[in-house]
Amino acid sequence: MSTYLYLECLDHDPPLGSDSEVGQHLYDLPRIRDEIANRATFVAASDLHPDYPDRYTNASAMFFVQHPHCTIGIRDEYGHEHPLAAEADQ
């Protein structure tokens, strides 16, 4: 079953969500978490205008450039928040 996943900037009230989904299934969570952990690399590379391998990573990179130092969260299309640590899934 599809579950669209979005990034959120939690430093705003209400939180600002990404314009595009950054994943379509819960099995995308490890990749999304890895992208969040490496956010500084995406921000640093933004001047080079890279084209990442998929539209989801491109959406993440664009969000990171807009929110380079903000607290980031993950929320799905149903409003459920997903933890940034994989251990919390269990």
Protein backbone atom coordinates (compact mmCIF):
# COMPACT_ATOMS: atom_id res chain seq x y z
CA MET A 1 0.00 0.00 0.00
CA SER A 2 1.20 3.48 -0.86
CA THR A 3 1.90 5.93 1.95
CA TYR A 4 3.23 9.26 0.76
CA LEU A 5 5.87 10.71 3.06
CA TYR A 6 6.72 14.39 3.50
CA LEU A 7 9.36 16.38 5.35
CA GLU A 8 8.33 19.02 7.85
CA CYS A 9 10.12 22.02 9.29
CA LEU A 10 9.20 21.80 12.96
CA ASP A 11 10.60 25.24 13.78
CA HIS A 12 7.40 26.85 12.49
CA ASP A 13 3.94 26.83 14.07
CA PRO A 14 2.23 25.18 12.37
CA PRO A 15 5.03 23.09 10.84
CA LEU A 16 5.82 23.75 7.17
CA GLY A 17 5.58 20.65 4.99
CA SER A 18 7.53 19.88 1.86
CA ASP A 19 5.75 20.78 -1.39
CA SER A 20 6.39 17.32 -2.81
CA GLU A 21 6.51 13.88 -1.29
CA VAL A 22 9.95 12.52 -0.40
CA GLY A 23 8.84 8.89 -0.43
CA GLN A 24 5.89 6.73 -1.36
CA HIS A 25 6.24 3.72 0.95
CA LEU A 26 7.28 3.11 4.53
CA TYR A 27 10.28 1.17 3.22
CA ASP A 28 11.57 4.57 2.02
CA LEU A 29 12.07 5.68 5.64
CA PRO A 30 15.71 4.48 5.89
CA ARG A 31 16.64 6.47 2.77
CA ILE A 32 14.80 9.55 4.04
CA ARG A 33 16.51 9.29 7.43
CA ASP A 34 19.88 8.97 5.71
CA GLU A 35 19.14 12.06 3.62
CA ILE A 36 18.21 14.02 6.75
CA ALA A 37 21.42 12.86 8.45
CA ASN A 38 23.39 14.10 5.43
CA ARG A 39 21.43 17.31 4.95
CA ALA A 40 24.57 19.48 5.09
CA THR A 41 25.95 17.70 2.02
CA PHE A 42 22.77 18.42 0.05
CA VAL A 43 22.87 22.07 1.09
CA ALA A 44 26.57 22.40 0.21
CA ALA A 45 26.00 20.81 -3.20
CA SER A 46 23.06 23.06 -4.07
CA ASP A 47 25.27 25.59 -5.86
CA LEU A 48 26.19 22.84 -8.32
CA HIS A 49 22.49 22.24 -9.17
CA PRO A 50 22.76 18.45 -8.99
CA ASP A 51 20.09 16.20 -10.44
CA TYR A 52 19.62 13.32 -8.03
CA PRO A 53 18.65 9.81 -9.17
CA ASP A 54 14.96 10.12 -8.28
CA ARG A 55 12.32 12.76 -7.75
CA TYR A 56 12.02 11.94 -4.06
CA THR A 57 15.66 12.74 -3.33
CA ASN A 58 15.34 15.89 -5.43
CA ALA A 59 12.36 16.93 -3.28
CA SER A 60 14.35 16.27 -0.08
CA ALA A 61 17.32 18.27 -1.36
CA MET A 62 15.12 21.25 -2.26
CA PHE A 63 13.53 21.20 1.20
CA PHE A 64 16.93 21.05 2.91
CA VAL A 65 18.14 24.09 0.96
CA GLN A 66 15.03 26.00 2.11
CA HIS A 67 15.50 24.83 5.74
CA PRO A 68 19.26 24.28 6.20
CA HIS A 69 19.35 24.58 10.00
CA CYS A 70 15.78 23.82 11.04
CA THR A 71 14.48 20.86 13.01
CA ILE A 72 13.16 18.36 10.45
CA GLY A 73 10.46 15.75 10.92
CA ILE A 74 8.79 13.11 8.76
CA ARG A 75 5.00 12.89 8.39
CA ASP A 76 2.87 10.73 6.12
CA GLU A 77 -0.22 11.65 4.14
CA TYR A 78 -2.43 10.37 6.98
CA GLY A 79 -0.89 12.78 9.50
CA HIS A 80 1.25 10.16 11.29
CA GLU A 81 4.67 11.34 12.42
CA HIS A 82 7.56 8.95 11.81
CA PRO A 83 10.64 8.92 14.05
CA LEU A 84 14.07 9.95 12.81
CA ALA A 85 15.63 6.90 14.49
CA ALA A 86 14.99 3.47 13.00
CA GLU A 87 14.92 1.83 16.44
CA ALA A 88 11.77 3.78 17.27
CA ASP A 89 9.88 1.93 14.50
CA GLN A 90 9.97 -1.32 16.41
